Amino acid sequence: MAVPKKRQSHSRSRKRWSANLQKPIKLETCPQCASARPSHTICPNCGHYMGRTLVSTEETT
């Protein structure tokens, strides 16, 4: 079986692992209710997306 001739340095290994970094979710404010939501998704609070209400929600008061 093949065996590497030399050990890989820490910096070389970490350069390869840097692609696995998880990035935080980008949040936008909903123009309808001003709550934070992920971009390009329906607002979980009011059901509004791209100028339309796609999901009707029952408001409890």
C-alpha atoms as a PDB file:
ATOM      1  CA  MET A   1       0.000   0.000   0.000  1.00  0.00           C
ATOM      2  CA  ALA A   2       1.237   3.492  -0.781  1.00  0.00           C
ATOM      3  CA  VAL A   3       2.663   5.503   2.103  1.00  0.00           C
ATOM      4  CA  PRO A   4       3.401   9.253   1.950  1.00  0.00           C
ATOM      5  CA  LYS A   5       7.109  10.055   2.006  1.00  0.00           C
ATOM      6  CA  LYS A   6       6.787  13.110   4.209  1.00  0.00           C
ATOM      7  CA  ARG A   7       4.318  14.290   6.796  1.00  0.00           C
ATOM      8  CA  GLN A   8       1.985  17.126   5.753  1.00  0.00           C
ATOM      9  CA  SER A   9       2.475  20.339   7.686  1.00  0.00           C
ATOM     10  CA  HIS A  10      -0.249  21.820   9.898  1.00  0.00           C
ATOM     11  CA  SER A  11      -0.676  24.815   7.599  1.00  0.00           C
ATOM     12  CA  ARG A  12      -1.157  22.624   4.525  1.00  0.00           C
ATOM     13  CA  SER A  13      -3.778  20.502   6.284  1.00  0.00           C
ATOM     14  CA  ARG A  14      -5.582  23.555   7.680  1.00  0.00           C
ATOM     15  CA  LYS A  15      -5.732  25.176   4.241  1.00  0.00           C
ATOM     16  CA  ARG A  16      -7.650  22.145   3.036  1.00  0.00           C
ATOM     17  CA  TRP A  17      -9.974  22.214   6.077  1.00  0.00           C
ATOM     18  CA  SER A  18     -10.748  25.916   5.641  1.00  0.00           C
ATOM     19  CA  ALA A  19     -13.321  25.105   2.940  1.00  0.00           C
ATOM     20  CA  ASN A  20     -15.476  23.310   5.548  1.00  0.00           C
ATOM     21  CA  LEU A  21     -16.110  26.495   7.541  1.00  0.00           C
ATOM     22  CA  GLN A  22     -19.817  27.111   8.167  1.00  0.00           C
ATOM     23  CA  LYS A  23     -20.928  30.642   7.412  1.00  0.00           C
ATOM     24  CA  PRO A  24     -23.619  32.380   9.473  1.00  0.00           C
ATOM     25  CA  ILE A  25     -27.095  32.718   7.941  1.00  0.00           C
ATOM     26  CA  LYS A  26     -27.676  36.137   6.383  1.00  0.00           C
ATOM     27  CA  LEU A  27     -30.785  37.733   7.809  1.00  0.00           C
ATOM     28  CA  GLU A  28     -32.930  40.444   6.218  1.00  0.00           C
ATOM     29  CA  THR A  29     -35.759  42.467   7.665  1.00  0.00           C
ATOM     30  CA  CYS A  30     -39.234  41.702   6.370  1.00  0.00           C
ATOM     31  CA  PRO A  31     -40.738  44.791   4.678  1.00  0.00           C
ATOM     32  CA  GLN A  32     -44.216  43.857   5.947  1.00  0.00           C
ATOM     33  CA  CYS A  33     -43.643  43.153   9.658  1.00  0.00           C
ATOM     34  CA  ALA A  34     -39.971  44.234  10.124  1.00  0.00           C
ATOM     35  CA  SER A  35     -38.914  40.947  11.733  1.00  0.00           C
ATOM     36  CA  ALA A  36     -35.625  39.225  10.858  1.00  0.00           C
ATOM     37  CA  ARG A  37     -35.811  36.358   8.361  1.00  0.00           C
ATOM     38  CA  PRO A  38     -33.364  34.440   6.132  1.00  0.00           C
ATOM     39  CA  SER A  39     -32.997  35.907   2.657  1.00  0.00           C
ATOM     40  CA  HIS A  40     -35.068  34.437  -0.209  1.00  0.00           C
ATOM     41  CA  THR A  41     -37.546  32.728   2.127  1.00  0.00           C
ATOM     42  CA  ILE A  42     -41.132  33.329   3.174  1.00  0.00           C
ATOM     43  CA  CYS A  43     -41.360  35.287   6.412  1.00  0.00           C
ATOM     44  CA  PRO A  44     -42.254  32.847   9.209  1.00  0.00           C
ATOM     45  CA  ASN A  45     -43.972  35.640  11.139  1.00  0.00           C
ATOM     46  CA  CYS A  46     -46.400  37.070   8.539  1.00  0.00           C
ATOM     47  CA  GLY A  47     -46.103  34.763   5.475  1.00  0.00           C
ATOM     48  CA  HIS A  48     -45.075  37.625   3.173  1.00  0.00           C
ATOM     49  CA  TYR A  49     -42.611  37.176   0.262  1.00  0.00           C
ATOM     50  CA  MET A  50     -41.771  39.313  -2.789  1.00  0.00           C
ATOM     51  CA  GLY A  51     -44.659  41.737  -2.255  1.00  0.00           C
ATOM     52  CA  ARG A  52     -47.296  39.019  -1.835  1.00  0.00           C
ATOM     53  CA  THR A  53     -48.813  37.139   1.078  1.00  0.00           C
ATOM     54  CA  LEU A  54     -48.196  33.486   0.275  1.00  0.00           C
ATOM     55  CA  VAL A  55     -49.094  31.884   3.596  1.00  0.00           C
ATOM     56  CA  SER A  56     -52.042  33.153   5.574  1.00  0.00           C
ATOM     57  CA  THR A  57     -51.445  33.252   9.314  1.00  0.00           C
ATOM     58  CA  GLU A  58     -54.015  33.543  12.061  1.00  0.00           C
ATOM     59  CA  GLU A  59     -53.134  36.307  14.464  1.00  0.00           C
ATOM     60  CA  THR A  60     -53.916  35.594  18.102  1.00  0.00           C
ATOM     61  CA  THR A  61     -54.539  38.616  20.312  1.00  0.00           C
END
